[in-house]
């Protein structure tokens, strides 16, 4: 029931952050960021398990490991960029959040380019 631990951390962090917001906004922000990072670290352990399972499935299905690595990198970039975006939004920095989001999308496009090129080459061979 690790999800229960994560929920408790989230609730405690939220209560502490809200109760300190008026007296010490900087400390409230620090608590919110720390809580978010702790939750992410807990969840990252389970993400590792998912990645291992997906890699095993791809291997048994005969999917090129290079393509699977790219897909996993894209998933990782997506999660990390989203996490960073939400942290920036929580801190009240919407403009920075949108830049983090844009950077994540650019990194995804660059990382996925080899798959798109391979797909285009495959289409050319069929034509």
C-alpha atoms as a PDB file:
ATOM      1  CA  UNK A   1       0.000   0.000   0.000  1.00  0.00           C
ATOM      2  CA  UNK A   2       2.702   2.434  -0.955  1.00  0.00           C
ATOM      3  CA  UNK A   3       0.080   4.648  -2.556  1.00  0.00           C
ATOM      4  CA  UNK A   4      -1.236   5.264   0.961  1.00  0.00           C
ATOM      5  CA  UNK A   5       2.191   6.588   1.975  1.00  0.00           C
ATOM      6  CA  UNK A   6       2.274   8.866  -1.051  1.00  0.00           C
ATOM      7  CA  UNK A   7      -1.215  10.193  -0.319  1.00  0.00           C
ATOM      8  CA  UNK A   8      -0.312  10.817   3.325  1.00  0.00           C
ATOM      9  CA  UNK A   9       2.838  12.684   2.297  1.00  0.00           C
ATOM     10  CA  UNK A  10       0.742  14.756  -0.104  1.00  0.00           C
ATOM     11  CA  UNK A  11      -1.910  15.558   2.494  1.00  0.00           C
ATOM     12  CA  UNK A  12       0.607  16.455   5.212  1.00  0.00           C
ATOM     13  CA  UNK A  13       2.606  18.580   2.771  1.00  0.00           C
ATOM     14  CA  UNK A  14      -0.549  20.353   1.627  1.00  0.00           C
ATOM     15  CA  UNK A  15      -1.704  21.070   5.177  1.00  0.00           C
ATOM     16  CA  UNK A  16       1.721  22.391   6.188  1.00  0.00           C
ATOM     17  CA  UNK A  17       1.991  24.503   3.046  1.00  0.00           C
ATOM     18  CA  UNK A  18      -1.479  26.013   3.453  1.00  0.00           C
ATOM     19  CA  UNK A  19      -1.009  26.724   7.164  1.00  0.00           C
ATOM     20  CA  UNK A  20       2.295  28.529   6.570  1.00  0.00           C
ATOM     21  CA  UNK A  21       1.278  30.392   3.415  1.00  0.00           C
ATOM     22  CA  UNK A  22       0.187  33.593   5.207  1.00  0.00           C
ATOM     23  CA  UNK A  23       3.050  33.776   7.703  1.00  0.00           C
ATOM     24  CA  UNK A  24       5.914  32.561   5.523  1.00  0.00           C
ATOM     25  CA  UNK A  25       5.169  32.239   1.801  1.00  0.00           C
ATOM     26  CA  UNK A  26       8.772  31.249   1.013  1.00  0.00           C
ATOM     27  CA  UNK A  27       8.730  28.379   3.493  1.00  0.00           C
ATOM     28  CA  UNK A  28       5.303  27.338   2.244  1.00  0.00           C
ATOM     29  CA  UNK A  29       6.683  27.169  -1.297  1.00  0.00           C
ATOM     30  CA  UNK A  30       9.685  25.164  -0.082  1.00  0.00           C
ATOM     31  CA  UNK A  31       7.376  22.660   1.628  1.00  0.00           C
ATOM     32  CA  UNK A  32       5.291  22.326  -1.528  1.00  0.00           C
ATOM     33  CA  UNK A  33       8.339  21.759  -3.714  1.00  0.00           C
ATOM     34  CA  UNK A  34       9.867  19.286  -1.276  1.00  0.00           C
ATOM     35  CA  UNK A  35       6.601  17.373  -1.011  1.00  0.00           C
ATOM     36  CA  UNK A  36       6.347  17.186  -4.808  1.00  0.00           C
ATOM     37  CA  UNK A  37       9.908  15.935  -5.137  1.00  0.00           C
ATOM     38  CA  UNK A  38       9.374  13.270  -2.446  1.00  0.00           C
ATOM     39  CA  UNK A  39       6.254  12.022  -4.195  1.00  0.00           C
ATOM     40  CA  UNK A  40       8.095  11.953  -7.529  1.00  0.00           C
ATOM     41  CA  UNK A  41      10.954   9.949  -6.010  1.00  0.00           C
ATOM     42  CA  UNK A  42       8.514   7.403  -4.564  1.00  0.00           C
ATOM     43  CA  UNK A  43       6.738   7.090  -7.914  1.00  0.00           C
ATOM     44  CA  UNK A  44      10.017   6.867  -9.844  1.00  0.00           C
ATOM     45  CA  UNK A  45      10.739   3.497  -8.249  1.00  0.00           C
ATOM     46  CA  UNK A  46       7.544   2.129  -9.760  1.00  0.00           C
ATOM     47  CA  UNK A  47       8.291   3.757 -13.067  1.00  0.00           C
ATOM     48  CA  UNK A  48      11.509   1.735 -13.174  1.00  0.00           C
ATOM     49  CA  UNK A  49       9.433  -1.435 -12.837  1.00  0.00           C
ATOM     50  CA  UNK A  50       7.142  -0.382 -15.673  1.00  0.00           C
ATOM     51  CA  UNK A  51      10.152   0.314 -17.892  1.00  0.00           C
ATOM     52  CA  UNK A  52      11.581  -3.133 -17.145  1.00  0.00           C
ATOM     53  CA  UNK A  53       8.271  -4.798 -17.997  1.00  0.00           C
ATOM     54  CA  UNK A  54       7.933  -2.844 -21.239  1.00  0.00           C
ATOM     55  CA  UNK A  55      11.497  -3.729 -22.205  1.00  0.00           C
ATOM     56  CA  UNK A  56      10.806  -7.423 -21.586  1.00  0.00           C
ATOM     57  CA  UNK A  57       7.604  -7.275 -23.624  1.00  0.00           C
ATOM     58  CA  UNK A  58       9.387  -5.518 -26.473  1.00  0.00           C
ATOM     59  CA  UNK A  59      12.140  -8.145 -26.414  1.00  0.00           C
ATOM     60  CA  UNK A  60       9.671 -11.022 -26.578  1.00  0.00           C
ATOM     61  CA  UNK A  61       7.725  -9.296 -29.352  1.00  0.00           C
ATOM     62  CA  UNK A  62      10.899  -8.810 -31.381  1.00  0.00           C
ATOM     63  CA  UNK A  63      10.749  -5.012 -31.347  1.00  0.00           C
ATOM     64  CA  UNK A  64      14.052  -3.343 -32.163  1.00  0.00           C
ATOM     65  CA  UNK A  65      15.615  -2.407 -28.810  1.00  0.00           C
ATOM     66  CA  UNK A  66      16.832   0.889 -30.255  1.00  0.00           C
ATOM     67  CA  UNK A  67      13.267   1.952 -30.968  1.00  0.00           C
ATOM     68  CA  UNK A  68      12.121   0.808 -27.561  1.00  0.00           C
ATOM     69  CA  UNK A  69      14.895   2.847 -25.933  1.00  0.00           C
ATOM     70  CA  UNK A  70      13.692   5.906 -27.821  1.00  0.00           C
ATOM     71  CA  UNK A  71      10.089   5.359 -26.743  1.00  0.00           C
ATOM     72  CA  UNK A  72      11.164   4.956 -23.113  1.00  0.00           C
ATOM     73  CA  UNK A  73      13.273   8.121 -23.316  1.00  0.00           C
ATOM     74  CA  UNK A  74      10.292  10.007 -24.706  1.00  0.00           C
ATOM     75  CA  UNK A  75       8.105   8.755 -21.857  1.00  0.00           C
ATOM     76  CA  UNK A  76      10.766   9.823 -19.352  1.00  0.00           C
ATOM     77  CA  UNK A  77      11.130  13.262 -20.916  1.00  0.00           C
ATOM     78  CA  UNK A  78       7.367  13.666 -20.867  1.00  0.00           C
ATOM     79  CA  UNK A  79       7.044  12.802 -17.173  1.00  0.00           C
ATOM     80  CA  UNK A  80       9.989  14.937 -16.104  1.00  0.00           C
ATOM     81  CA  UNK A  81       8.886  17.942 -18.170  1.00  0.00           C
ATOM     82  CA  UNK A  82       5.333  17.670 -16.838  1.00  0.00           C
ATOM     83  CA  UNK A  83       6.623  17.437 -13.270  1.00  0.00           C
ATOM     84  CA  UNK A  84       8.819  20.504 -13.762  1.00  0.00           C
ATOM     85  CA  UNK A  85       5.971  22.403 -15.383  1.00  0.00           C
ATOM     86  CA  UNK A  86       3.638  21.653 -12.490  1.00  0.00           C
ATOM     87  CA  UNK A  87       6.259  22.654  -9.909  1.00  0.00           C
ATOM     88  CA  UNK A  88       6.717  25.985 -11.671  1.00  0.00           C
ATOM     89  CA  UNK A  89       2.944  26.502 -11.785  1.00  0.00           C
ATOM     90  CA  UNK A  90       2.676  25.670  -8.077  1.00  0.00           C
ATOM     91  CA  UNK A  91       5.305  28.334  -7.409  1.00  0.00           C
ATOM     92  CA  UNK A  92       3.197  30.841  -9.321  1.00  0.00           C
ATOM     93  CA  UNK A  93       5.592  31.029 -12.265  1.00  0.00           C
ATOM     94  CA  UNK A  94       3.283  30.307 -15.194  1.00  0.00           C
ATOM     95  CA  UNK A  95       5.636  31.904 -17.735  1.00  0.00           C
ATOM     96  CA  UNK A  96       8.540  29.697 -16.679  1.00  0.00           C
ATOM     97  CA  UNK A  97       6.210  26.685 -16.619  1.00  0.00           C
ATOM     98  CA  UNK A  98       5.258  27.250 -20.242  1.00  0.00           C
ATOM     99  CA  UNK A  99       8.952  27.441 -21.208  1.00  0.00           C
ATOM    100  CA  UNK A 100       9.686  24.166 -19.405  1.00  0.00           C
ATOM    101  CA  UNK A 101       6.725  22.613 -21.221  1.00  0.00           C
ATOM    102  CA  UNK A 102       7.965  23.898 -24.584  1.00  0.00           C
ATOM    103  CA  UNK A 103      11.475  22.607 -23.903  1.00  0.00           C
ATOM    104  CA  UNK A 104      10.032  19.182 -23.065  1.00  0.00           C
ATOM    105  CA  UNK A 105       8.152  19.114 -26.368  1.00  0.00           C
ATOM    106  CA  UNK A 106      11.283  20.099 -28.279  1.00  0.00           C
ATOM    107  CA  UNK A 107      13.300  17.358 -26.561  1.00  0.00           C
ATOM    108  CA  UNK A 108      10.577  14.839 -27.385  1.00  0.00           C
ATOM    109  CA  UNK A 109      10.626  15.880 -31.052  1.00  0.00           C
ATOM    110  CA  UNK A 110      14.403  15.625 -31.241  1.00  0.00           C
ATOM    111  CA  UNK A 111      14.482  12.278 -29.435  1.00  0.00           C
ATOM    112  CA  UNK A 112      11.725  10.862 -31.655  1.00  0.00           C
ATOM    113  CA  UNK A 113      13.279  12.058 -34.923  1.00  0.00           C
ATOM    114  CA  UNK A 114      15.126   8.765 -35.620  1.00  0.00           C
ATOM    115  CA  UNK A 115      11.866   6.821 -35.384  1.00  0.00           C
ATOM    116  CA  UNK A 116      10.158   9.239 -37.766  1.00  0.00           C
ATOM    117  CA  UNK A 117      13.077   8.979 -40.211  1.00  0.00           C
ATOM    118  CA  UNK A 118      12.969   5.172 -40.081  1.00  0.00           C
ATOM    119  CA  UNK A 119       9.230   5.262 -40.697  1.00  0.00           C
ATOM    120  CA  UNK A 120       9.713   7.550 -43.706  1.00  0.00           C
ATOM    121  CA  UNK A 121      12.371   5.218 -45.122  1.00  0.00           C
ATOM    122  CA  UNK A 122      10.031   2.256 -44.679  1.00  0.00           C
ATOM    123  CA  UNK A 123       7.262   4.111 -46.511  1.00  0.00           C
ATOM    124  CA  UNK A 124       9.666   4.968 -49.358  1.00  0.00           C
ATOM    125  CA  UNK A 125      10.577   1.297 -49.737  1.00  0.00           C
ATOM    126  CA  UNK A 126       6.919   0.358 -50.039  1.00  0.00           C
ATOM    127  CA  UNK A 127       6.337   3.012 -52.714  1.00  0.00           C
END
